[in-house]
Amino acid sequence: MKRVMTGALIAAVVGVGGMGGVAAAQPSPGKTVRQDCRTYSGVTECGQPQLDEKQRACVTSAVQQGMTERRAVVECHAFA
């Protein structure tokens, strides 16, 4: 059940954020593309999300309190 909910959340985030150039993101035949993906608090992010000012302030605050920057970026992007 948890996997289904996580998958639905990811689908919702992708649907809201849009895919922007889906065809350009497809790997060439025979090539494997690895993305920088991480999951924290049930939220998966791939690549470097674009943060607004409020989210960047959230990241700065979380890092100062001891959270890793990678985790702070994911959580602040999702929840701030």
PDB file of N, CA and C in Angstrom:
ATOM      1  N   MET A   1       0.831  -1.199   0.000  1.00  0.00           N
ATOM      2  CA  MET A   1       0.000   0.000   0.000  1.00  0.00           C
ATOM      3  C   MET A   1       0.869   1.253   0.000  1.00  0.00           C
ATOM      4  N   LYS A   2       1.966   1.216   0.784  1.00  0.00           N
ATOM      5  CA  LYS A   2       2.837   2.379   0.861  1.00  0.00           C
ATOM      6  C   LYS A   2       3.475   2.673  -0.498  1.00  0.00           C
ATOM      7  N   ARG A   3       3.857   1.618  -1.230  1.00  0.00           N
ATOM      8  CA  ARG A   3       4.455   1.827  -2.549  1.00  0.00           C
ATOM      9  C   ARG A   3       3.462   2.466  -3.503  1.00  0.00           C
ATOM     10  N   VAL A   4       2.221   2.065  -3.410  1.00  0.00           N
ATOM     11  CA  VAL A   4       1.187   2.635  -4.269  1.00  0.00           C
ATOM     12  C   VAL A   4       1.008   4.111  -3.954  1.00  0.00           C
ATOM     13  N   MET A   5       0.983   4.460  -2.662  1.00  0.00           N
ATOM     14  CA  MET A   5       0.818   5.857  -2.264  1.00  0.00           C
ATOM     15  C   MET A   5       2.022   6.676  -2.719  1.00  0.00           C
ATOM     16  N   THR A   6       3.242   6.136  -2.565  1.00  0.00           N
ATOM     17  CA  THR A   6       4.436   6.855  -3.001  1.00  0.00           C
ATOM     18  C   THR A   6       4.407   7.063  -4.509  1.00  0.00           C
ATOM     19  N   GLY A   7       4.022   6.020  -5.241  1.00  0.00           N
ATOM     20  CA  GLY A   7       3.921   6.139  -6.692  1.00  0.00           C
ATOM     21  C   GLY A   7       2.894   7.182  -7.100  1.00  0.00           C
ATOM     22  N   ALA A   8       1.775   7.224  -6.389  1.00  0.00           N
ATOM     23  CA  ALA A   8       0.742   8.217  -6.691  1.00  0.00           C
ATOM     24  C   ALA A   8       1.250   9.620  -6.404  1.00  0.00           C
ATOM     25  N   LEU A   9       2.009   9.782  -5.322  1.00  0.00           N
ATOM     26  CA  LEU A   9       2.565  11.085  -4.988  1.00  0.00           C
ATOM     27  C   LEU A   9       3.546  11.539  -6.061  1.00  0.00           C
ATOM     28  N   ILE A  10       4.398  10.642  -6.500  1.00  0.00           N
ATOM     29  CA  ILE A  10       5.367  10.980  -7.543  1.00  0.00           C
ATOM     30  C   ILE A  10       4.630  11.350  -8.830  1.00  0.00           C
ATOM     31  N   ALA A  11       3.613  10.577  -9.180  1.00  0.00           N
ATOM     32  CA  ALA A  11       2.845  10.880 -10.385  1.00  0.00           C
ATOM     33  C   ALA A  11       2.174  12.238 -10.267  1.00  0.00           C
ATOM     34  N   ALA A  12       1.666  12.561  -9.076  1.00  0.00           N
ATOM     35  CA  ALA A  12       1.018  13.856  -8.877  1.00  0.00           C
ATOM     36  C   ALA A  12       2.026  14.986  -9.012  1.00  0.00           C
ATOM     37  N   VAL A  13       3.217  14.822  -8.443  1.00  0.00           N
ATOM     38  CA  VAL A  13       4.239  15.862  -8.522  1.00  0.00           C
ATOM     39  C   VAL A  13       4.668  16.059  -9.968  1.00  0.00           C
ATOM     40  N   VAL A  14       4.872  14.974 -10.691  1.00  0.00           N
ATOM     41  CA  VAL A  14       5.265  15.078 -12.095  1.00  0.00           C
ATOM     42  C   VAL A  14       4.142  15.732 -12.896  1.00  0.00           C
ATOM     43  N   GLY A  15       2.896  15.375 -12.595  1.00  0.00           N
ATOM     44  CA  GLY A  15       1.763  15.968 -13.307  1.00  0.00           C
ATOM     45  C   GLY A  15       1.644  17.445 -13.063  1.00  0.00           C
ATOM     46  N   VAL A  16       1.882  17.887 -11.826  1.00  0.00           N
ATOM     47  CA  VAL A  16       1.789  19.306 -11.491  1.00  0.00           C
ATOM     48  C   VAL A  16       2.968  20.069 -12.080  1.00  0.00           C
ATOM     49  N   GLY A  17       4.167  19.497 -11.933  1.00  0.00           N
ATOM     50  CA  GLY A  17       5.372  20.178 -12.388  1.00  0.00           C
ATOM     51  C   GLY A  17       5.565  20.126 -13.890  1.00  0.00           C
ATOM     52  N   GLY A  18       4.951  19.167 -14.527  1.00  0.00           N
ATOM     53  CA  GLY A  18       5.116  19.015 -15.963  1.00  0.00           C
ATOM     54  C   GLY A  18       6.416  18.308 -16.290  1.00  0.00           C
ATOM     55  N   MET A  19       6.502  17.807 -17.486  1.00  0.00           N
ATOM     56  CA  MET A  19       7.700  17.080 -17.880  1.00  0.00           C
ATOM     57  C   MET A  19       8.580  17.910 -18.796  1.00  0.00           C
ATOM     58  N   GLY A  20       8.055  18.942 -19.401  1.00  0.00           N
ATOM     59  CA  GLY A  20       8.887  19.849 -20.167  1.00  0.00           C
ATOM     60  C   GLY A  20       9.496  19.278 -21.408  1.00  0.00           C
ATOM     61  N   GLY A  21      10.199  18.437 -21.699  1.00  0.00           N
ATOM     62  CA  GLY A  21      10.722  17.931 -22.938  1.00  0.00           C
ATOM     63  C   GLY A  21      10.911  16.456 -22.769  1.00  0.00           C
ATOM     64  N   VAL A  22       9.860  15.756 -22.722  1.00  0.00           N
ATOM     65  CA  VAL A  22       9.909  14.333 -22.443  1.00  0.00           C
ATOM     66  C   VAL A  22      10.767  13.607 -23.469  1.00  0.00           C
ATOM     67  N   ALA A  23      10.620  13.955 -24.731  1.00  0.00           N
ATOM     68  CA  ALA A  23      11.379  13.260 -25.763  1.00  0.00           C
ATOM     69  C   ALA A  23      12.874  13.464 -25.572  1.00  0.00           C
ATOM     70  N   ALA A  24      13.286  14.645 -25.140  1.00  0.00           N
ATOM     71  CA  ALA A  24      14.703  14.920 -24.931  1.00  0.00           C
ATOM     72  C   ALA A  24      15.273  14.139 -23.754  1.00  0.00           C
ATOM     73  N   ALA A  25      14.426  13.725 -22.831  1.00  0.00           N
ATOM     74  CA  ALA A  25      14.884  13.019 -21.647  1.00  0.00           C
ATOM     75  C   ALA A  25      15.072  11.529 -21.892  1.00  0.00           C
ATOM     76  N   GLN A  26      14.655  11.030 -23.043  1.00  0.00           N
ATOM     77  CA  GLN A  26      14.758   9.609 -23.329  1.00  0.00           C
ATOM     78  C   GLN A  26      16.192   9.256 -23.711  1.00  0.00           C
ATOM     79  N   PRO A  27      16.739   8.174 -23.127  1.00  0.00           N
ATOM     80  CA  PRO A  27      18.105   7.780 -23.469  1.00  0.00           C
ATOM     81  C   PRO A  27      18.180   7.208 -24.882  1.00  0.00           C
ATOM     82  N   SER A  28      19.337   7.296 -25.480  1.00  0.00           N
ATOM     83  CA  SER A  28      19.549   6.715 -26.797  1.00  0.00           C
ATOM     84  C   SER A  28      19.515   5.198 -26.671  1.00  0.00           C
ATOM     85  N   PRO A  29      19.135   4.510 -27.724  1.00  0.00           N
ATOM     86  CA  PRO A  29      19.122   3.044 -27.662  1.00  0.00           C
ATOM     87  C   PRO A  29      20.512   2.510 -27.308  1.00  0.00           C
ATOM     88  N   GLY A  30      20.551   1.577 -26.374  1.00  0.00           N
ATOM     89  CA  GLY A  30      21.826   0.978 -25.985  1.00  0.00           C
ATOM     90  C   GLY A  30      22.576   1.745 -24.917  1.00  0.00           C
ATOM     91  N   LYS A  31      22.064   2.892 -24.484  1.00  0.00           N
ATOM     92  CA  LYS A  31      22.745   3.677 -23.454  1.00  0.00           C
ATOM     93  C   LYS A  31      21.892   3.709 -22.197  1.00  0.00           C
ATOM     94  N   THR A  32      22.547   3.593 -21.062  1.00  0.00           N
ATOM     95  CA  THR A  32      21.854   3.677 -19.782  1.00  0.00           C
ATOM     96  C   THR A  32      22.151   5.036 -19.166  1.00  0.00           C
ATOM     97  N   VAL A  33      21.108   5.740 -18.772  1.00  0.00           N
ATOM     98  CA  VAL A  33      21.263   7.049 -18.161  1.00  0.00           C
ATOM     99  C   VAL A  33      20.932   6.927 -16.683  1.00  0.00           C
ATOM    100  N   ARG A  34      21.848   7.363 -15.828  1.00  0.00           N
ATOM    101  CA  ARG A  34      21.606   7.354 -14.387  1.00  0.00           C
ATOM    102  C   ARG A  34      21.248   8.754 -13.952  1.00  0.00           C
ATOM    103  N   GLN A  35      20.168   8.853 -13.198  1.00  0.00           N
ATOM    104  CA  GLN A  35      19.765  10.139 -12.665  1.00  0.00           C
ATOM    105  C   GLN A  35      20.147  10.221 -11.200  1.00  0.00           C
ATOM    106  N   ASP A  36      20.369  11.429 -10.732  1.00  0.00           N
ATOM    107  CA  ASP A  36      20.656  11.677  -9.327  1.00  0.00           C
ATOM    108  C   ASP A  36      19.322  11.745  -8.586  1.00  0.00           C
ATOM    109  N   CYS A  37      18.850  10.608  -8.094  1.00  0.00           N
ATOM    110  CA  CYS A  37      17.562  10.549  -7.404  1.00  0.00           C
ATOM    111  C   CYS A  37      17.774  10.224  -5.933  1.00  0.00           C
ATOM    112  N   ARG A  38      16.936  10.786  -5.095  1.00  0.00           N
ATOM    113  CA  ARG A  38      16.963  10.469  -3.665  1.00  0.00           C
ATOM    114  C   ARG A  38      15.550  10.572  -3.115  1.00  0.00           C
ATOM    115  N   THR A  39      15.306   9.792  -2.053  1.00  0.00           N
ATOM    116  CA  THR A  39      13.985   9.755  -1.437  1.00  0.00           C
ATOM    117  C   THR A  39      14.123  10.021   0.058  1.00  0.00           C
ATOM    118  N   TYR A  40      13.390  10.995   0.539  1.00  0.00           N
ATOM    119  CA  TYR A  40      13.331  11.319   1.961  1.00  0.00           C
ATOM    120  C   TYR A  40      11.878  11.594   2.310  1.00  0.00           C
ATOM    121  N   SER A  41      11.459  11.148   3.459  1.00  0.00           N
ATOM    122  CA  SER A  41      10.088  11.379   3.957  1.00  0.00           C
ATOM    123  C   SER A  41       9.030  10.985   2.922  1.00  0.00           C
ATOM    124  N   GLY A  42       9.311   9.927   2.180  1.00  0.00           N
ATOM    125  CA  GLY A  42       8.348   9.445   1.202  1.00  0.00           C
ATOM    126  C   GLY A  42       8.279  10.258  -0.077  1.00  0.00           C
ATOM    127  N   VAL A  43       9.215  11.186  -0.274  1.00  0.00           N
ATOM    128  CA  VAL A  43       9.225  12.033  -1.475  1.00  0.00           C
ATOM    129  C   VAL A  43      10.505  11.739  -2.253  1.00  0.00           C
ATOM    130  N   THR A  44      10.367  11.461  -3.545  1.00  0.00           N
ATOM    131  CA  THR A  44      11.521  11.201  -4.393  1.00  0.00           C
ATOM    132  C   THR A  44      11.757  12.394  -5.308  1.00  0.00           C
ATOM    133  N   GLU A  45      12.991  12.829  -5.370  1.00  0.00           N
ATOM    134  CA  GLU A  45      13.403  13.923  -6.262  1.00  0.00           C
ATOM    135  C   GLU A  45      14.550  13.420  -7.121  1.00  0.00           C
ATOM    136  N   CYS A  46      14.537  13.752  -8.383  1.00  0.00           N
ATOM    137  CA  CYS A  46      15.627  13.430  -9.290  1.00  0.00           C
ATOM    138  C   CYS A  46      16.174  14.726  -9.866  1.00  0.00           C
ATOM    139  N   GLY A  47      17.479  14.807  -9.963  1.00  0.00           N
ATOM    140  CA  GLY A  47      18.100  16.019 -10.474  1.00  0.00           C
ATOM    141  C   GLY A  47      18.137  17.105  -9.410  1.00  0.00           C
ATOM    142  N   GLN A  48      18.299  18.331  -9.834  1.00  0.00           N
ATOM    143  CA  GLN A  48      18.360  19.471  -8.916  1.00  0.00           C
ATOM    144  C   GLN A  48      17.094  20.301  -9.082  1.00  0.00           C
ATOM    145  N   PRO A  49      16.169  20.221  -8.113  1.00  0.00           N
ATOM    146  CA  PRO A  49      14.923  20.983  -8.236  1.00  0.00           C
ATOM    147  C   PRO A  49      15.171  22.488  -8.164  1.00  0.00           C
ATOM    148  N   GLN A  50      14.347  23.243  -8.870  1.00  0.00           N
ATOM    149  CA  GLN A  50      14.422  24.698  -8.816  1.00  0.00           C
ATOM    150  C   GLN A  50      13.648  25.161  -7.582  1.00  0.00           C
ATOM    151  N   LEU A  51      14.322  25.851  -6.682  1.00  0.00           N
ATOM    152  CA  LEU A  51      13.704  26.295  -5.432  1.00  0.00           C
ATOM    153  C   LEU A  51      13.369  27.783  -5.501  1.00  0.00           C
ATOM    154  N   ASP A  52      12.237  28.154  -4.898  1.00  0.00           N
ATOM    155  CA  ASP A  52      11.920  29.574  -4.787  1.00  0.00           C
ATOM    156  C   ASP A  52      12.606  30.129  -3.535  1.00  0.00           C
ATOM    157  N   GLU A  53      12.419  31.397  -3.281  1.00  0.00           N
ATOM    158  CA  GLU A  53      13.111  32.064  -2.169  1.00  0.00           C
ATOM    159  C   GLU A  53      12.763  31.437  -0.816  1.00  0.00           C
ATOM    160  N   LYS A  54      11.500  31.149  -0.603  1.00  0.00           N
ATOM    161  CA  LYS A  54      11.056  30.545   0.659  1.00  0.00           C
ATOM    162  C   LYS A  54      11.688  29.168   0.851  1.00  0.00           C
ATOM    163  N   GLN A  55      11.761  28.382  -0.210  1.00  0.00           N
ATOM    164  CA  GLN A  55      12.350  27.049  -0.131  1.00  0.00           C
ATOM    165  C   GLN A  55      13.857  27.122   0.117  1.00  0.00           C
ATOM    166  N   ARG A  56      14.543  28.085  -0.508  1.00  0.00           N
ATOM    167  CA  ARG A  56      15.989  28.253  -0.257  1.00  0.00           C
ATOM    168  C   ARG A  56      16.249  28.637   1.188  1.00  0.00           C
ATOM    169  N   ALA A  57      15.396  29.504   1.762  1.00  0.00           N
ATOM    170  CA  ALA A  57      15.534  29.879   3.172  1.00  0.00           C
ATOM    171  C   ALA A  57      15.315  28.655   4.066  1.00  0.00           C
ATOM    172  N   CYS A  58      14.368  27.816   3.691  1.00  0.00           N
ATOM    173  CA  CYS A  58      14.103  26.578   4.422  1.00  0.00           C
ATOM    174  C   CYS A  58      15.338  25.675   4.394  1.00  0.00           C
ATOM    175  N   VAL A  59      15.971  25.533   3.240  1.00  0.00           N
ATOM    176  CA  VAL A  59      17.176  24.707   3.115  1.00  0.00           C
ATOM    177  C   VAL A  59      18.288  25.252   4.004  1.00  0.00           C
ATOM    178  N   THR A  60      18.511  26.557   3.954  1.00  0.00           N
ATOM    179  CA  THR A  60      19.555  27.170   4.764  1.00  0.00           C
ATOM    180  C   THR A  60      19.324  26.905   6.243  1.00  0.00           C
ATOM    181  N   SER A  61      18.106  27.090   6.699  1.00  0.00           N
ATOM    182  CA  SER A  61      17.766  26.870   8.097  1.00  0.00           C
ATOM    183  C   SER A  61      17.956  25.408   8.498  1.00  0.00           C
ATOM    184  N   ALA A  62      17.494  24.496   7.656  1.00  0.00           N
ATOM    185  CA  ALA A  62      17.603  23.062   7.968  1.00  0.00           C
ATOM    186  C   ALA A  62      19.056  22.614   8.027  1.00  0.00           C
ATOM    187  N   VAL A  63      19.885  23.116   7.113  1.00  0.00           N
ATOM    188  CA  VAL A  63      21.306  22.754   7.111  1.00  0.00           C
ATOM    189  C   VAL A  63      21.989  23.294   8.362  1.00  0.00           C
ATOM    190  N   GLN A  64      21.650  24.504   8.771  1.00  0.00           N
ATOM    191  CA  GLN A  64      22.227  25.081   9.992  1.00  0.00           C
ATOM    192  C   GLN A  64      21.838  24.273  11.225  1.00  0.00           C
ATOM    193  N   GLN A  65      20.696  23.585  11.154  1.00  0.00           N
ATOM    194  CA  GLN A  65      20.247  22.775  12.278  1.00  0.00           C
ATOM    195  C   GLN A  65      20.782  21.343  12.210  1.00  0.00           C
ATOM    196  N   GLY A  66      21.587  21.025  11.184  1.00  0.00           N
ATOM    197  CA  GLY A  66      22.251  19.731  11.130  1.00  0.00           C
ATOM    198  C   GLY A  66      21.774  18.771  10.055  1.00  0.00           C
ATOM    199  N   MET A  67      20.761  19.133   9.271  1.00  0.00           N
ATOM    200  CA  MET A  67      20.285  18.248   8.206  1.00  0.00           C
ATOM    201  C   MET A  67      21.241  18.342   7.019  1.00  0.00           C
ATOM    202  N   THR A  68      21.415  17.247   6.294  1.00  0.00           N
ATOM    203  CA  THR A  68      22.256  17.312   5.096  1.00  0.00           C
ATOM    204  C   THR A  68      21.563  18.182   4.049  1.00  0.00           C
ATOM    205  N   GLU A  69      22.361  18.804   3.202  1.00  0.00           N
ATOM    206  CA  GLU A  69      21.787  19.696   2.188  1.00  0.00           C
ATOM    207  C   GLU A  69      20.912  18.931   1.200  1.00  0.00           C
ATOM    208  N   ARG A  70      21.343  17.723   0.798  1.00  0.00           N
ATOM    209  CA  ARG A  70      20.546  16.934  -0.149  1.00  0.00           C
ATOM    210  C   ARG A  70      19.161  16.646   0.414  1.00  0.00           C
ATOM    211  N   ARG A  71      19.101  16.259   1.696  1.00  0.00           N
ATOM    212  CA  ARG A  71      17.802  15.971   2.302  1.00  0.00           C
ATOM    213  C   ARG A  71      16.979  17.246   2.443  1.00  0.00           C
ATOM    214  N   ALA A  72      17.633  18.331   2.874  1.00  0.00           N
ATOM    215  CA  ALA A  72      16.929  19.602   3.053  1.00  0.00           C
ATOM    216  C   ALA A  72      16.312  20.082   1.747  1.00  0.00           C
ATOM    217  N   VAL A  73      17.020  19.918   0.634  1.00  0.00           N
ATOM    218  CA  VAL A  73      16.493  20.355  -0.669  1.00  0.00           C
ATOM    219  C   VAL A  73      15.219  19.583  -0.993  1.00  0.00           C
ATOM    220  N   VAL A  74      15.244  18.277  -0.794  1.00  0.00           N
ATOM    221  CA  VAL A  74      14.067  17.451  -1.116  1.00  0.00           C
ATOM    222  C   VAL A  74      12.895  17.829  -0.215  1.00  0.00           C
ATOM    223  N   GLU A  75      13.138  17.887   1.097  1.00  0.00           N
ATOM    224  CA  GLU A  75      12.042  18.145   2.020  1.00  0.00           C
ATOM    225  C   GLU A  75      11.505  19.564   1.883  1.00  0.00           C
ATOM    226  N   CYS A  76      12.376  20.547   1.717  1.00  0.00           N
ATOM    227  CA  CYS A  76      11.898  21.927   1.568  1.00  0.00           C
ATOM    228  C   CYS A  76      11.178  22.119   0.234  1.00  0.00           C
ATOM    229  N   HIS A  77      11.614  21.441  -0.804  1.00  0.00           N
ATOM    230  CA  HIS A  77      10.939  21.532  -2.094  1.00  0.00           C
ATOM    231  C   HIS A  77       9.545  20.932  -1.993  1.00  0.00           C
ATOM    232  N   ALA A  78       9.412  19.863  -1.235  1.00  0.00           N
ATOM    233  CA  ALA A  78       8.123  19.176  -1.126  1.00  0.00           C
ATOM    234  C   ALA A  78       7.176  19.838  -0.123  1.00  0.00           C
ATOM    235  N   PHE A  79       7.697  20.352   0.984  1.00  0.00           N
ATOM    236  CA  PHE A  79       6.852  20.754   2.090  1.00  0.00           C
ATOM    237  C   PHE A  79       6.857  22.237   2.425  1.00  0.00           C
ATOM    238  N   ALA A  80       7.795  23.012   1.890  1.00  0.00           N
ATOM    239  CA  ALA A  80       7.845  24.445   2.258  1.00  0.00           C
ATOM    240  C   ALA A  80       6.998  25.280   1.338  1.00  0.00           C
TER     241      ALA A  80
END
